[in-house]
C-alpha cells in the first residue's frame, strides 16, 4: 500500500514592518531673538508632525519669571511625555540704548518639568540634585541620566557629577562621578550603556587653559548601568571641539557636525571596530538654500530616517525666516535625501535646546 508523503513548505520571510510616522511628533523649544518693546518673552514649545510637514505652537514653558527664558537645558522623552531639565535662566529685555546688553543670564536652574504631549499638560518634577546647564542627558531603561555641565554662571570648567531620575519614585539619585570635568558634552544611549561624548573636558587637577589640547575632549565616558561604574573610551570623538548631536538609529551612531559647525556637508557614522567616525555613503548634501544664513540646525531620528530641522534668515527680507526640513534615509542606497516644502515665518527665533522625538 503506497504512502503519501507530506512535503513541508519553507516559511516565507515575513515582510518588514510598515513604518507609521503618524505616531511620532518632534518637540522643539524656541524663544524670540530679541524682545519687543511691549511684548512678553517666553520659551515657545512647538510640535512637528512628520505626516504633513507642519509645525504647531502647543505651549510655553511654565514656572519661569516674566520675560525670562531658559537656554542650555535638555529635553528628553519618556513615553508620551517630554522632560525639560535644568538650563540657564536669561532675562530677555529690550535694550534702552546701543550699549546695553539685551540678554543677561541670571541663574542656573535645577528645574525639572514634565510635559504630556497628548494631553497638553505640564507637571513639576523633583529638582536636580545639582543645578546644571550644557550637560549630557539621555534615557536608558526608562530612567533619565544626566552628567557633566556647568553649575555656576561664572564657571570656567565643567563638572564630573552625574545623577539619575526614576519617574516611578519621582526622585533623583547621585551616581559615581566621571573621571573628567566636562561641559558641552553629548549624551546618547547605545548598546545598553550611557555614553557621554566629548565636550570641553579636562582632568580635575589640570590647569585650566582653553588653548591647550586636552585628550579628554576626544574621549567618551561610558557608564555601565548594571555595574554602576564609568569607563573611559579614549579617542571616541577624535575632535577637541564638542559634538553638536549624536543619535542612535537602528544600533548605529550618527553625527552631522560639531558645536561650531553643526553641518559639515555630510553625515558620519561611528565604526566601533576602528574607533573612528566615517562618512556615510550618499550623505553629502548641499541644501538648495545654503546661500542663506543658517540660524539653527537640530536633528531627530524617526524610524530609520534622520530629520534635520534648519532655520534660515531671508537675505532680501531680514525680518523673515525660513524653516526647512531635510530627511536622510539611512537605509537607502541611492537618492537618500529629501527636502520638504519650506515654511516662511515672521521674526527670528532662537533654538533653545535640541529637539526630541515623542511616540504617541
C-alpha atoms as a PDB file:
ATOM      1  CA  UNK A   1       0.000   0.000   0.000  1.00  0.00           C
ATOM      2  CA  UNK A   2       1.544   3.231  -1.016  1.00  0.00           C
ATOM      3  CA  UNK A   3       2.033   6.130   1.418  1.00  0.00           C
ATOM      4  CA  UNK A   4       1.546   9.770   0.761  1.00  0.00           C
ATOM      5  CA  UNK A   5       4.483  11.800   1.999  1.00  0.00           C
ATOM      6  CA  UNK A   6       3.668  15.308   3.146  1.00  0.00           C
ATOM      7  CA  UNK A   7       6.029  17.988   1.911  1.00  0.00           C
ATOM      8  CA  UNK A   8       6.975  20.766   4.279  1.00  0.00           C
ATOM      9  CA  UNK A   9       6.748  24.232   2.901  1.00  0.00           C
ATOM     10  CA  UNK A  10       9.579  26.509   3.816  1.00  0.00           C
ATOM     11  CA  UNK A  11       8.292  29.516   5.687  1.00  0.00           C
ATOM     12  CA  UNK A  12       8.479  32.604   3.554  1.00  0.00           C
ATOM     13  CA  UNK A  13      10.217  35.508   5.220  1.00  0.00           C
ATOM     14  CA  UNK A  14       7.826  37.879   6.887  1.00  0.00           C
ATOM     15  CA  UNK A  15       7.671  41.321   5.302  1.00  0.00           C
ATOM     16  CA  UNK A  16       9.368  44.139   7.160  1.00  0.00           C
ATOM     17  CA  UNK A  17       7.055  46.071   9.449  1.00  0.00           C
ATOM     18  CA  UNK A  18       5.396  49.051   7.839  1.00  0.00           C
ATOM     19  CA  UNK A  19       6.756  52.258   9.318  1.00  0.00           C
ATOM     20  CA  UNK A  20       3.998  54.533  10.546  1.00  0.00           C
ATOM     21  CA  UNK A  21       5.225  58.088  11.035  1.00  0.00           C
ATOM     22  CA  UNK A  22       1.802  59.232  12.260  1.00  0.00           C
ATOM     23  CA  UNK A  23       2.663  58.033  15.763  1.00  0.00           C
ATOM     24  CA  UNK A  24       5.655  60.363  16.030  1.00  0.00           C
ATOM     25  CA  UNK A  25       5.983  64.014  16.984  1.00  0.00           C
ATOM     26  CA  UNK A  26       9.079  66.187  17.233  1.00  0.00           C
ATOM     27  CA  UNK A  27       9.137  68.700  20.079  1.00  0.00           C
ATOM     28  CA  UNK A  28      11.351  71.791  19.960  1.00  0.00           C
ATOM     29  CA  UNK A  29      11.713  74.908  22.119  1.00  0.00           C
ATOM     30  CA  UNK A  30      12.254  78.391  20.702  1.00  0.00           C
ATOM     31  CA  UNK A  31      12.368  81.943  22.006  1.00  0.00           C
ATOM     32  CA  UNK A  32      12.422  85.300  20.205  1.00  0.00           C
ATOM     33  CA  UNK A  33      15.872  86.505  19.252  1.00  0.00           C
ATOM     34  CA  UNK A  34      15.030  89.971  20.526  1.00  0.00           C
ATOM     35  CA  UNK A  35      12.413  91.213  22.937  1.00  0.00           C
ATOM     36  CA  UNK A  36       9.855  93.659  21.626  1.00  0.00           C
ATOM     37  CA  UNK A  37       9.104  96.941  23.408  1.00  0.00           C
ATOM     38  CA  UNK A  38       5.745  95.796  24.769  1.00  0.00           C
ATOM     39  CA  UNK A  39       5.639  92.025  24.369  1.00  0.00           C
ATOM     40  CA  UNK A  40       6.280  89.290  26.909  1.00  0.00           C
ATOM     41  CA  UNK A  41       9.040  86.841  26.062  1.00  0.00           C
ATOM     42  CA  UNK A  42       8.858  83.109  26.787  1.00  0.00           C
ATOM     43  CA  UNK A  43      10.038  79.695  25.634  1.00  0.00           C
ATOM     44  CA  UNK A  44       7.614  78.517  22.965  1.00  0.00           C
ATOM     45  CA  UNK A  45       7.074  74.761  22.629  1.00  0.00           C
ATOM     46  CA  UNK A  46       6.403  73.732  19.050  1.00  0.00           C
ATOM     47  CA  UNK A  47       5.327  70.337  17.766  1.00  0.00           C
ATOM     48  CA  UNK A  48       6.244  68.980  14.328  1.00  0.00           C
ATOM     49  CA  UNK A  49       4.053  66.409  12.591  1.00  0.00           C
ATOM     50  CA  UNK A  50       6.062  64.373  10.039  1.00  0.00           C
ATOM     51  CA  UNK A  51       2.863  63.242   8.297  1.00  0.00           C
ATOM     52  CA  UNK A  52       2.045  66.667   6.891  1.00  0.00           C
ATOM     53  CA  UNK A  53       5.267  68.639   7.444  1.00  0.00           C
ATOM     54  CA  UNK A  54       3.665  71.169   9.772  1.00  0.00           C
ATOM     55  CA  UNK A  55       4.746  72.947  12.949  1.00  0.00           C
ATOM     56  CA  UNK A  56       2.196  73.856  15.599  1.00  0.00           C
ATOM     57  CA  UNK A  57       2.613  76.064  18.647  1.00  0.00           C
ATOM     58  CA  UNK A  58       1.354  73.901  21.514  1.00  0.00           C
ATOM     59  CA  UNK A  59       2.516  75.505  24.759  1.00  0.00           C
ATOM     60  CA  UNK A  60       5.041  77.633  26.631  1.00  0.00           C
ATOM     61  CA  UNK A  61       7.423  76.547  29.388  1.00  0.00           C
ATOM     62  CA  UNK A  62       5.708  77.472  32.682  1.00  0.00           C
ATOM     63  CA  UNK A  63       7.108  78.394  36.110  1.00  0.00           C
ATOM     64  CA  UNK A  64       9.581  80.953  34.756  1.00  0.00           C
ATOM     65  CA  UNK A  65       9.898  84.608  35.680  1.00  0.00           C
ATOM     66  CA  UNK A  66       8.236  87.132  33.405  1.00  0.00           C
ATOM     67  CA  UNK A  67      10.349  87.944  30.325  1.00  0.00           C
ATOM     68  CA  UNK A  68      12.845  85.218  31.243  1.00  0.00           C
ATOM     69  CA  UNK A  69      13.725  82.223  29.081  1.00  0.00           C
ATOM     70  CA  UNK A  70      15.678  79.024  29.544  1.00  0.00           C
ATOM     71  CA  UNK A  71      18.701  78.145  27.428  1.00  0.00           C
ATOM     72  CA  UNK A  72      21.242  75.357  27.694  1.00  0.00           C
ATOM     73  CA  UNK A  73      18.632  72.939  29.040  1.00  0.00           C
ATOM     74  CA  UNK A  74      17.868  69.446  27.767  1.00  0.00           C
ATOM     75  CA  UNK A  75      14.649  67.890  26.510  1.00  0.00           C
ATOM     76  CA  UNK A  76      14.229  64.115  26.521  1.00  0.00           C
ATOM     77  CA  UNK A  77      11.161  61.946  26.057  1.00  0.00           C
ATOM     78  CA  UNK A  78       9.753  59.100  28.112  1.00  0.00           C
ATOM     79  CA  UNK A  79       6.537  57.567  26.857  1.00  0.00           C
ATOM     80  CA  UNK A  80       4.187  60.340  25.761  1.00  0.00           C
ATOM     81  CA  UNK A  81       5.948  62.986  27.850  1.00  0.00           C
ATOM     82  CA  UNK A  82       8.840  65.383  27.357  1.00  0.00           C
ATOM     83  CA  UNK A  83      11.050  66.353  30.287  1.00  0.00           C
ATOM     84  CA  UNK A  84      12.575  69.845  30.387  1.00  0.00           C
ATOM     85  CA  UNK A  85      15.667  69.645  32.594  1.00  0.00           C
ATOM     86  CA  UNK A  86      17.997  72.273  34.036  1.00  0.00           C
ATOM     87  CA  UNK A  87      19.380  75.099  31.930  1.00  0.00           C
ATOM     88  CA  UNK A  88      20.365  78.698  32.392  1.00  0.00           C
ATOM     89  CA  UNK A  89      17.757  81.383  33.020  1.00  0.00           C
ATOM     90  CA  UNK A  90      18.119  84.509  30.888  1.00  0.00           C
ATOM     91  CA  UNK A  91      16.463  87.887  31.239  1.00  0.00           C
ATOM     92  CA  UNK A  92      15.249  88.900  27.784  1.00  0.00           C
ATOM     93  CA  UNK A  93      14.775  92.638  27.604  1.00  0.00           C
ATOM     94  CA  UNK A  94      14.624  95.390  25.045  1.00  0.00           C
ATOM     95  CA  UNK A  95      17.890  97.413  25.178  1.00  0.00           C
ATOM     96  CA  UNK A  96      17.342 101.029  26.179  1.00  0.00           C
ATOM     97  CA  UNK A  97      20.388 102.099  24.194  1.00  0.00           C
ATOM     98  CA  UNK A  98      23.060 100.609  21.913  1.00  0.00           C
ATOM     99  CA  UNK A  99      25.422  99.984  24.838  1.00  0.00           C
ATOM    100  CA  UNK A 100      23.025  97.809  26.820  1.00  0.00           C
ATOM    101  CA  UNK A 101      23.216  94.033  26.502  1.00  0.00           C
ATOM    102  CA  UNK A 102      19.802  92.562  25.528  1.00  0.00           C
ATOM    103  CA  UNK A 103      20.284  89.172  27.222  1.00  0.00           C
ATOM    104  CA  UNK A 104      21.515  88.752  30.793  1.00  0.00           C
ATOM    105  CA  UNK A 105      21.919  85.342  32.408  1.00  0.00           C
ATOM    106  CA  UNK A 106      20.645  85.413  35.975  1.00  0.00           C
ATOM    107  CA  UNK A 107      20.878  81.897  37.418  1.00  0.00           C
ATOM    108  CA  UNK A 108      21.498  78.216  36.759  1.00  0.00           C
ATOM    109  CA  UNK A 109      18.318  76.189  37.052  1.00  0.00           C
ATOM    110  CA  UNK A 110      17.618  72.891  38.794  1.00  0.00           C
ATOM    111  CA  UNK A 111      14.031  72.951  37.500  1.00  0.00           C
ATOM    112  CA  UNK A 112      12.581  69.760  36.015  1.00  0.00           C
ATOM    113  CA  UNK A 113       9.218  69.877  34.244  1.00  0.00           C
ATOM    114  CA  UNK A 114       7.188  67.171  32.543  1.00  0.00           C
ATOM    115  CA  UNK A 115       5.038  67.958  29.526  1.00  0.00           C
ATOM    116  CA  UNK A 116       2.490  65.369  28.401  1.00  0.00           C
ATOM    117  CA  UNK A 117       2.263  65.837  24.644  1.00  0.00           C
ATOM    118  CA  UNK A 118      -1.023  64.001  24.152  1.00  0.00           C
ATOM    119  CA  UNK A 119      -2.895  65.875  26.894  1.00  0.00           C
ATOM    120  CA  UNK A 120      -1.005  69.180  26.631  1.00  0.00           C
ATOM    121  CA  UNK A 121      -0.436  69.170  30.390  1.00  0.00           C
ATOM    122  CA  UNK A 122       2.537  70.328  32.495  1.00  0.00           C
ATOM    123  CA  UNK A 123       3.606  68.999  35.882  1.00  0.00           C
ATOM    124  CA  UNK A 124       6.552  69.769  38.118  1.00  0.00           C
ATOM    125  CA  UNK A 125       9.043  67.027  38.987  1.00  0.00           C
ATOM    126  CA  UNK A 126      11.717  66.775  41.669  1.00  0.00           C
ATOM    127  CA  UNK A 127      14.523  69.250  41.039  1.00  0.00           C
ATOM    128  CA  UNK A 128      18.013  68.219  40.021  1.00  0.00           C
ATOM    129  CA  UNK A 129      20.356  67.493  42.905  1.00  0.00           C
ATOM    130  CA  UNK A 130      22.862  69.846  41.256  1.00  0.00           C
ATOM    131  CA  UNK A 131      21.715  72.754  39.049  1.00  0.00           C
ATOM    132  CA  UNK A 132      23.382  72.474  35.645  1.00  0.00           C
ATOM    133  CA  UNK A 133      23.397  73.607  32.027  1.00  0.00           C
ATOM    134  CA  UNK A 134      25.252  72.493  28.873  1.00  0.00           C
ATOM    135  CA  UNK A 135      25.241  68.926  30.164  1.00  0.00           C
ATOM    136  CA  UNK A 136      24.795  65.438  28.713  1.00  0.00           C
ATOM    137  CA  UNK A 137      21.457  63.688  29.079  1.00  0.00           C
ATOM    138  CA  UNK A 138      19.815  60.523  27.769  1.00  0.00           C
ATOM    139  CA  UNK A 139      17.257  57.865  28.660  1.00  0.00           C
ATOM    140  CA  UNK A 140      18.065  54.237  29.451  1.00  0.00           C
ATOM    141  CA  UNK A 141      15.720  51.594  30.858  1.00  0.00           C
ATOM    142  CA  UNK A 142      13.010  54.234  31.392  1.00  0.00           C
ATOM    143  CA  UNK A 143      15.265  56.370  33.582  1.00  0.00           C
ATOM    144  CA  UNK A 144      16.836  59.757  32.814  1.00  0.00           C
ATOM    145  CA  UNK A 145      20.596  60.142  33.193  1.00  0.00           C
ATOM    146  CA  UNK A 146      22.423  63.487  33.350  1.00  0.00           C
ATOM    147  CA  UNK A 147      26.169  64.091  33.595  1.00  0.00           C
ATOM    148  CA  UNK A 148      28.612  66.972  33.459  1.00  0.00           C
ATOM    149  CA  UNK A 149      27.718  70.527  32.531  1.00  0.00           C
ATOM    150  CA  UNK A 150      28.282  73.722  34.482  1.00  0.00           C
ATOM    151  CA  UNK A 151      26.691  74.634  37.805  1.00  0.00           C
ATOM    152  CA  UNK A 152      27.636  78.315  38.104  1.00  0.00           C
ATOM    153  CA  UNK A 153      27.168  81.342  35.865  1.00  0.00           C
ATOM    154  CA  UNK A 154      30.833  82.259  36.124  1.00  0.00           C
ATOM    155  CA  UNK A 155      32.164  78.701  35.961  1.00  0.00           C
ATOM    156  CA  UNK A 156      35.057  78.205  33.575  1.00  0.00           C
ATOM    157  CA  UNK A 157      35.139  74.421  33.988  1.00  0.00           C
ATOM    158  CA  UNK A 158      32.672  71.600  33.816  1.00  0.00           C
ATOM    159  CA  UNK A 159      31.637  69.044  36.424  1.00  0.00           C
ATOM    160  CA  UNK A 160      32.219  65.346  36.968  1.00  0.00           C
ATOM    161  CA  UNK A 161      28.926  64.767  38.780  1.00  0.00           C
ATOM    162  CA  UNK A 162      26.104  62.618  37.425  1.00  0.00           C
ATOM    163  CA  UNK A 163      22.627  61.675  38.611  1.00  0.00           C
ATOM    164  CA  UNK A 164      19.664  59.578  37.524  1.00  0.00           C
ATOM    165  CA  UNK A 165      15.912  60.218  37.708  1.00  0.00           C
ATOM    166  CA  UNK A 166      13.406  57.427  38.251  1.00  0.00           C
ATOM    167  CA  UNK A 167       9.907  58.566  37.173  1.00  0.00           C
ATOM    168  CA  UNK A 168       8.366  55.761  39.229  1.00  0.00           C
ATOM    169  CA  UNK A 169       9.753  57.028  42.543  1.00  0.00           C
ATOM    170  CA  UNK A 170       9.987  60.639  41.365  1.00  0.00           C
ATOM    171  CA  UNK A 171      13.493  61.020  42.815  1.00  0.00           C
ATOM    172  CA  UNK A 172      16.981  61.906  41.613  1.00  0.00           C
ATOM    173  CA  UNK A 173      19.860  59.732  42.831  1.00  0.00           C
ATOM    174  CA  UNK A 174      23.546  60.617  42.705  1.00  0.00           C
ATOM    175  CA  UNK A 175      25.759  58.390  40.556  1.00  0.00           C
ATOM    176  CA  UNK A 176      29.521  57.840  40.707  1.00  0.00           C
ATOM    177  CA  UNK A 177      31.428  60.799  39.266  1.00  0.00           C
ATOM    178  CA  UNK A 178      33.082  60.723  35.853  1.00  0.00           C
ATOM    179  CA  UNK A 179      36.866  60.769  35.604  1.00  0.00           C
ATOM    180  CA  UNK A 180      36.945  64.143  33.801  1.00  0.00           C
ATOM    181  CA  UNK A 181      35.313  67.538  34.160  1.00  0.00           C
ATOM    182  CA  UNK A 182      33.012  68.034  31.154  1.00  0.00           C
ATOM    183  CA  UNK A 183      30.567  70.535  29.709  1.00  0.00           C
ATOM    184  CA  UNK A 184      29.060  70.922  26.235  1.00  0.00           C
ATOM    185  CA  UNK A 185      29.224  67.119  26.155  1.00  0.00           C
ATOM    186  CA  UNK A 186      26.631  64.960  24.396  1.00  0.00           C
ATOM    187  CA  UNK A 187      24.725  62.059  25.911  1.00  0.00           C
ATOM    188  CA  UNK A 188      23.466  59.052  23.967  1.00  0.00           C
ATOM    189  CA  UNK A 189      22.262  55.580  24.943  1.00  0.00           C
ATOM    190  CA  UNK A 190      23.973  52.915  22.881  1.00  0.00           C
ATOM    191  CA  UNK A 191      24.190  49.150  23.318  1.00  0.00           C
ATOM    192  CA  UNK A 192      22.509  49.434  26.694  1.00  0.00           C
ATOM    193  CA  UNK A 193      25.090  51.823  28.136  1.00  0.00           C
ATOM    194  CA  UNK A 194      25.261  55.575  28.728  1.00  0.00           C
ATOM    195  CA  UNK A 195      27.807  57.423  26.568  1.00  0.00           C
ATOM    196  CA  UNK A 196      28.923  60.949  27.472  1.00  0.00           C
ATOM    197  CA  UNK A 197      30.890  62.039  24.420  1.00  0.00           C
ATOM    198  CA  UNK A 198      33.432  64.824  24.016  1.00  0.00           C
ATOM    199  CA  UNK A 199      32.798  68.270  25.388  1.00  0.00           C
ATOM    200  CA  UNK A 200      35.213  70.750  26.867  1.00  0.00           C
ATOM    201  CA  UNK A 201      36.837  68.192  29.109  1.00  0.00           C
ATOM    202  CA  UNK A 202      39.873  68.082  31.365  1.00  0.00           C
ATOM    203  CA  UNK A 203      41.238  66.363  34.411  1.00  0.00           C
ATOM    204  CA  UNK A 204      40.188  67.810  37.746  1.00  0.00           C
ATOM    205  CA  UNK A 205      43.798  68.509  38.738  1.00  0.00           C
ATOM    206  CA  UNK A 206      44.783  70.124  35.417  1.00  0.00           C
ATOM    207  CA  UNK A 207      45.457  73.835  34.935  1.00  0.00           C
ATOM    208  CA  UNK A 208      42.505  75.414  33.059  1.00  0.00           C
ATOM    209  CA  UNK A 209      43.634  76.533  29.598  1.00  0.00           C
ATOM    210  CA  UNK A 210      41.254  76.560  26.630  1.00  0.00           C
ATOM    211  CA  UNK A 211      44.185  76.958  24.213  1.00  0.00           C
ATOM    212  CA  UNK A 212      45.899  73.754  25.315  1.00  0.00           C
ATOM    213  CA  UNK A 213      44.884  70.457  23.716  1.00  0.00           C
ATOM    214  CA  UNK A 214      43.278  68.047  26.168  1.00  0.00           C
ATOM    215  CA  UNK A 215      42.940  64.360  25.198  1.00  0.00           C
ATOM    216  CA  UNK A 216      39.829  64.169  27.363  1.00  0.00           C
ATOM    217  CA  UNK A 217      37.961  66.283  24.784  1.00  0.00           C
ATOM    218  CA  UNK A 218      38.356  63.486  22.237  1.00  0.00           C
ATOM    219  CA  UNK A 219      37.189  60.820  24.659  1.00  0.00           C
ATOM    220  CA  UNK A 220      33.897  59.499  25.959  1.00  0.00           C
ATOM    221  CA  UNK A 221      32.872  58.298  29.385  1.00  0.00           C
ATOM    222  CA  UNK A 222      30.794  55.121  29.341  1.00  0.00           C
ATOM    223  CA  UNK A 223      28.521  54.350  32.277  1.00  0.00           C
ATOM    224  CA  UNK A 224      27.854  50.650  32.740  1.00  0.00           C
ATOM    225  CA  UNK A 225      24.314  50.681  34.056  1.00  0.00           C
ATOM    226  CA  UNK A 226      24.466  47.239  35.668  1.00  0.00           C
ATOM    227  CA  UNK A 227      27.865  47.711  37.295  1.00  0.00           C
ATOM    228  CA  UNK A 228      27.246  51.400  38.119  1.00  0.00           C
ATOM    229  CA  UNK A 229      30.730  52.489  37.089  1.00  0.00           C
ATOM    230  CA  UNK A 230      32.352  54.690  34.450  1.00  0.00           C
ATOM    231  CA  UNK A 231      34.893  53.580  31.847  1.00  0.00           C
ATOM    232  CA  UNK A 232      36.941  55.917  29.669  1.00  0.00           C
ATOM    233  CA  UNK A 233      36.733  55.382  25.892  1.00  0.00           C
ATOM    234  CA  UNK A 234      39.797  57.198  24.542  1.00  0.00           C
ATOM    235  CA  UNK A 235      39.608  58.770  21.078  1.00  0.00           C
ATOM    236  CA  UNK A 236      35.931  58.064  20.502  1.00  0.00           C
ATOM    237  CA  UNK A 237      35.155  61.588  19.259  1.00  0.00           C
ATOM    238  CA  UNK A 238      38.503  62.471  17.589  1.00  0.00           C
ATOM    239  CA  UNK A 239      37.948  66.239  17.711  1.00  0.00           C
ATOM    240  CA  UNK A 240      38.676  68.669  20.530  1.00  0.00           C
ATOM    241  CA  UNK A 241      35.537  70.611  19.531  1.00  0.00           C
ATOM    242  CA  UNK A 242      32.385  69.245  21.224  1.00  0.00           C
ATOM    243  CA  UNK A 243      29.869  67.365  19.057  1.00  0.00           C
ATOM    244  CA  UNK A 244      26.610  69.053  18.145  1.00  0.00           C
ATOM    245  CA  UNK A 245      24.428  65.946  18.397  1.00  0.00           C
ATOM    246  CA  UNK A 246      24.879  62.186  18.316  1.00  0.00           C
ATOM    247  CA  UNK A 247      21.870  59.902  17.794  1.00  0.00           C
ATOM    248  CA  UNK A 248      21.334  56.157  17.652  1.00  0.00           C
ATOM    249  CA  UNK A 249      19.470  54.805  14.627  1.00  0.00           C
ATOM    250  CA  UNK A 250      18.951  51.060  14.492  1.00  0.00           C
ATOM    251  CA  UNK A 251      22.077  50.394  16.578  1.00  0.00           C
ATOM    252  CA  UNK A 252      24.332  52.857  14.730  1.00  0.00           C
ATOM    253  CA  UNK A 253      25.586  56.212  15.970  1.00  0.00           C
ATOM    254  CA  UNK A 254      25.276  59.178  13.612  1.00  0.00           C
ATOM    255  CA  UNK A 255      26.603  62.741  13.762  1.00  0.00           C
ATOM    256  CA  UNK A 256      26.455  65.680  11.359  1.00  0.00           C
ATOM    257  CA  UNK A 257      28.972  68.064  12.892  1.00  0.00           C
ATOM    258  CA  UNK A 258      30.207  69.846  15.978  1.00  0.00           C
ATOM    259  CA  UNK A 259      29.010  72.761  18.085  1.00  0.00           C
ATOM    260  CA  UNK A 260      30.954  75.246  15.939  1.00  0.00           C
ATOM    261  CA  UNK A 261      29.875  73.745  12.621  1.00  0.00           C
ATOM    262  CA  UNK A 262      26.727  71.654  13.116  1.00  0.00           C
ATOM    263  CA  UNK A 263      26.610  70.696   9.428  1.00  0.00           C
ATOM    264  CA  UNK A 264      29.844  69.522   7.778  1.00  0.00           C
ATOM    265  CA  UNK A 265      28.197  68.828   4.432  1.00  0.00           C
ATOM    266  CA  UNK A 266      27.747  65.121   5.156  1.00  0.00           C
ATOM    267  CA  UNK A 267      26.739  62.643   7.866  1.00  0.00           C
ATOM    268  CA  UNK A 268      29.210  60.483   9.759  1.00  0.00           C
ATOM    269  CA  UNK A 269      28.683  57.111  11.434  1.00  0.00           C
ATOM    270  CA  UNK A 270      30.754  55.645  14.254  1.00  0.00           C
ATOM    271  CA  UNK A 271      32.748  52.488  13.498  1.00  0.00           C
ATOM    272  CA  UNK A 272      33.332  50.798  16.837  1.00  0.00           C
ATOM    273  CA  UNK A 273      35.857  48.346  15.386  1.00  0.00           C
ATOM    274  CA  UNK A 274      38.078  51.155  14.115  1.00  0.00           C
ATOM    275  CA  UNK A 275      37.075  53.581  16.882  1.00  0.00           C
ATOM    276  CA  UNK A 276      36.554  56.321  14.329  1.00  0.00           C
ATOM    277  CA  UNK A 277      33.844  58.288  12.525  1.00  0.00           C
ATOM    278  CA  UNK A 278      33.467  57.673   8.795  1.00  0.00           C
ATOM    279  CA  UNK A 279      31.422  59.436   6.142  1.00  0.00           C
ATOM    280  CA  UNK A 280      28.133  57.716   5.319  1.00  0.00           C
ATOM    281  CA  UNK A 281      27.835  56.828   1.630  1.00  0.00           C
ATOM    282  CA  UNK A 282      25.431  59.099  -0.197  1.00  0.00           C
ATOM    283  CA  UNK A 283      25.157  61.539   2.702  1.00  0.00           C
ATOM    284  CA  UNK A 284      26.890  64.506   1.058  1.00  0.00           C
ATOM    285  CA  UNK A 285      24.302  67.211   0.675  1.00  0.00           C
ATOM    286  CA  UNK A 286      24.307  70.869  -0.260  1.00  0.00           C
ATOM    287  CA  UNK A 287      20.961  72.411   0.746  1.00  0.00           C
ATOM    288  CA  UNK A 288      19.432  74.369  -2.145  1.00  0.00           C
ATOM    289  CA  UNK A 289      19.139  77.456   0.082  1.00  0.00           C
ATOM    290  CA  UNK A 290      22.574  77.124   1.679  1.00  0.00           C
ATOM    291  CA  UNK A 291      23.478  80.613   0.457  1.00  0.00           C
ATOM    292  CA  UNK A 292      21.197  81.988   3.179  1.00  0.00           C
ATOM    293  CA  UNK A 293      22.483  82.473   6.701  1.00  0.00           C
ATOM    294  CA  UNK A 294      21.617  79.426   8.782  1.00  0.00           C
ATOM    295  CA  UNK A 295      20.277  80.304  12.230  1.00  0.00           C
ATOM    296  CA  UNK A 296      19.968  76.848  13.748  1.00  0.00           C
ATOM    297  CA  UNK A 297      20.124  73.130  12.970  1.00  0.00           C
ATOM    298  CA  UNK A 298      18.855  70.228  15.030  1.00  0.00           C
ATOM    299  CA  UNK A 299      18.481  66.536  14.214  1.00  0.00           C
ATOM    300  CA  UNK A 300      15.875  63.922  15.165  1.00  0.00           C
ATOM    301  CA  UNK A 301      15.796  60.162  14.456  1.00  0.00           C
ATOM    302  CA  UNK A 302      12.402  58.837  13.373  1.00  0.00           C
ATOM    303  CA  UNK A 303      12.462  55.167  12.464  1.00  0.00           C
ATOM    304  CA  UNK A 304      15.472  54.681  10.188  1.00  0.00           C
ATOM    305  CA  UNK A 305      15.371  58.256   8.944  1.00  0.00           C
ATOM    306  CA  UNK A 306      17.225  61.322  10.161  1.00  0.00           C
ATOM    307  CA  UNK A 307      15.201  64.524  10.164  1.00  0.00           C
ATOM    308  CA  UNK A 308      17.177  67.765  10.032  1.00  0.00           C
ATOM    309  CA  UNK A 309      15.335  70.920  11.077  1.00  0.00           C
ATOM    310  CA  UNK A 310      17.003  74.126   9.914  1.00  0.00           C
ATOM    311  CA  UNK A 311      16.166  77.797  10.144  1.00  0.00           C
ATOM    312  CA  UNK A 312      17.462  80.449   7.722  1.00  0.00           C
ATOM    313  CA  UNK A 313      17.355  84.226   7.570  1.00  0.00           C
ATOM    314  CA  UNK A 314      15.994  85.572   4.283  1.00  0.00           C
ATOM    315  CA  UNK A 315      18.576  87.890   2.749  1.00  0.00           C
ATOM    316  CA  UNK A 316      16.047  90.003   0.877  1.00  0.00           C
ATOM    317  CA  UNK A 317      13.682  90.211   3.888  1.00  0.00           C
ATOM    318  CA  UNK A 318      15.735  90.241   7.123  1.00  0.00           C
ATOM    319  CA  UNK A 319      12.608  90.296   9.292  1.00  0.00           C
ATOM    320  CA  UNK A 320      11.508  86.931   7.894  1.00  0.00           C
ATOM    321  CA  UNK A 321      12.952  83.448   8.273  1.00  0.00           C
ATOM    322  CA  UNK A 322      12.544  80.110   6.533  1.00  0.00           C
ATOM    323  CA  UNK A 323      12.044  76.836   8.367  1.00  0.00           C
ATOM    324  CA  UNK A 324      13.123  73.810   6.306  1.00  0.00           C
ATOM    325  CA  UNK A 325      13.093  70.048   6.908  1.00  0.00           C
ATOM    326  CA  UNK A 326      15.580  67.693   5.244  1.00  0.00           C
ATOM    327  CA  UNK A 327      15.236  63.911   5.546  1.00  0.00           C
ATOM    328  CA  UNK A 328      18.018  61.353   5.142  1.00  0.00           C
ATOM    329  CA  UNK A 329      17.116  57.675   4.778  1.00  0.00           C
ATOM    330  CA  UNK A 330      19.882  55.677   6.467  1.00  0.00           C
ATOM    331  CA  UNK A 331      18.867  52.502   4.577  1.00  0.00           C
ATOM    332  CA  UNK A 332      18.723  53.999   1.078  1.00  0.00           C
ATOM    333  CA  UNK A 333      21.459  53.148  -1.415  1.00  0.00           C
ATOM    334  CA  UNK A 334      20.590  55.961  -3.836  1.00  0.00           C
ATOM    335  CA  UNK A 335      18.732  59.265  -3.542  1.00  0.00           C
ATOM    336  CA  UNK A 336      18.758  59.141   0.249  1.00  0.00           C
ATOM    337  CA  UNK A 337      17.938  62.841   0.706  1.00  0.00           C
ATOM    338  CA  UNK A 338      14.570  64.600   0.505  1.00  0.00           C
ATOM    339  CA  UNK A 339      13.818  68.290   1.012  1.00  0.00           C
ATOM    340  CA  UNK A 340      10.346  69.258   2.166  1.00  0.00           C
ATOM    341  CA  UNK A 341       8.461  72.443   1.392  1.00  0.00           C
ATOM    342  CA  UNK A 342       9.901  75.331   3.453  1.00  0.00           C
ATOM    343  CA  UNK A 343       7.750  77.402   5.786  1.00  0.00           C
ATOM    344  CA  UNK A 344       8.063  81.177   5.985  1.00  0.00           C
ATOM    345  CA  UNK A 345       7.904  82.777   9.420  1.00  0.00           C
ATOM    346  CA  UNK A 346       7.763  86.350  10.668  1.00  0.00           C
ATOM    347  CA  UNK A 347      10.577  87.365  13.030  1.00  0.00           C
ATOM    348  CA  UNK A 348      13.661  85.487  14.161  1.00  0.00           C
ATOM    349  CA  UNK A 349      13.627  82.783  16.816  1.00  0.00           C
ATOM    350  CA  UNK A 350      16.430  81.073  18.702  1.00  0.00           C
ATOM    351  CA  UNK A 351      16.540  77.321  19.162  1.00  0.00           C
ATOM    352  CA  UNK A 352      16.878  76.958  22.948  1.00  0.00           C
ATOM    353  CA  UNK A 353      17.554  73.218  23.132  1.00  0.00           C
ATOM    354  CA  UNK A 354      17.925  70.340  20.718  1.00  0.00           C
ATOM    355  CA  UNK A 355      14.636  68.732  19.734  1.00  0.00           C
ATOM    356  CA  UNK A 356      13.394  65.349  20.890  1.00  0.00           C
ATOM    357  CA  UNK A 357      11.054  62.715  19.450  1.00  0.00           C
ATOM    358  CA  UNK A 358       7.878  61.502  21.147  1.00  0.00           C
ATOM    359  CA  UNK A 359       5.998  58.369  20.138  1.00  0.00           C
ATOM    360  CA  UNK A 360       2.260  58.576  20.809  1.00  0.00           C
END
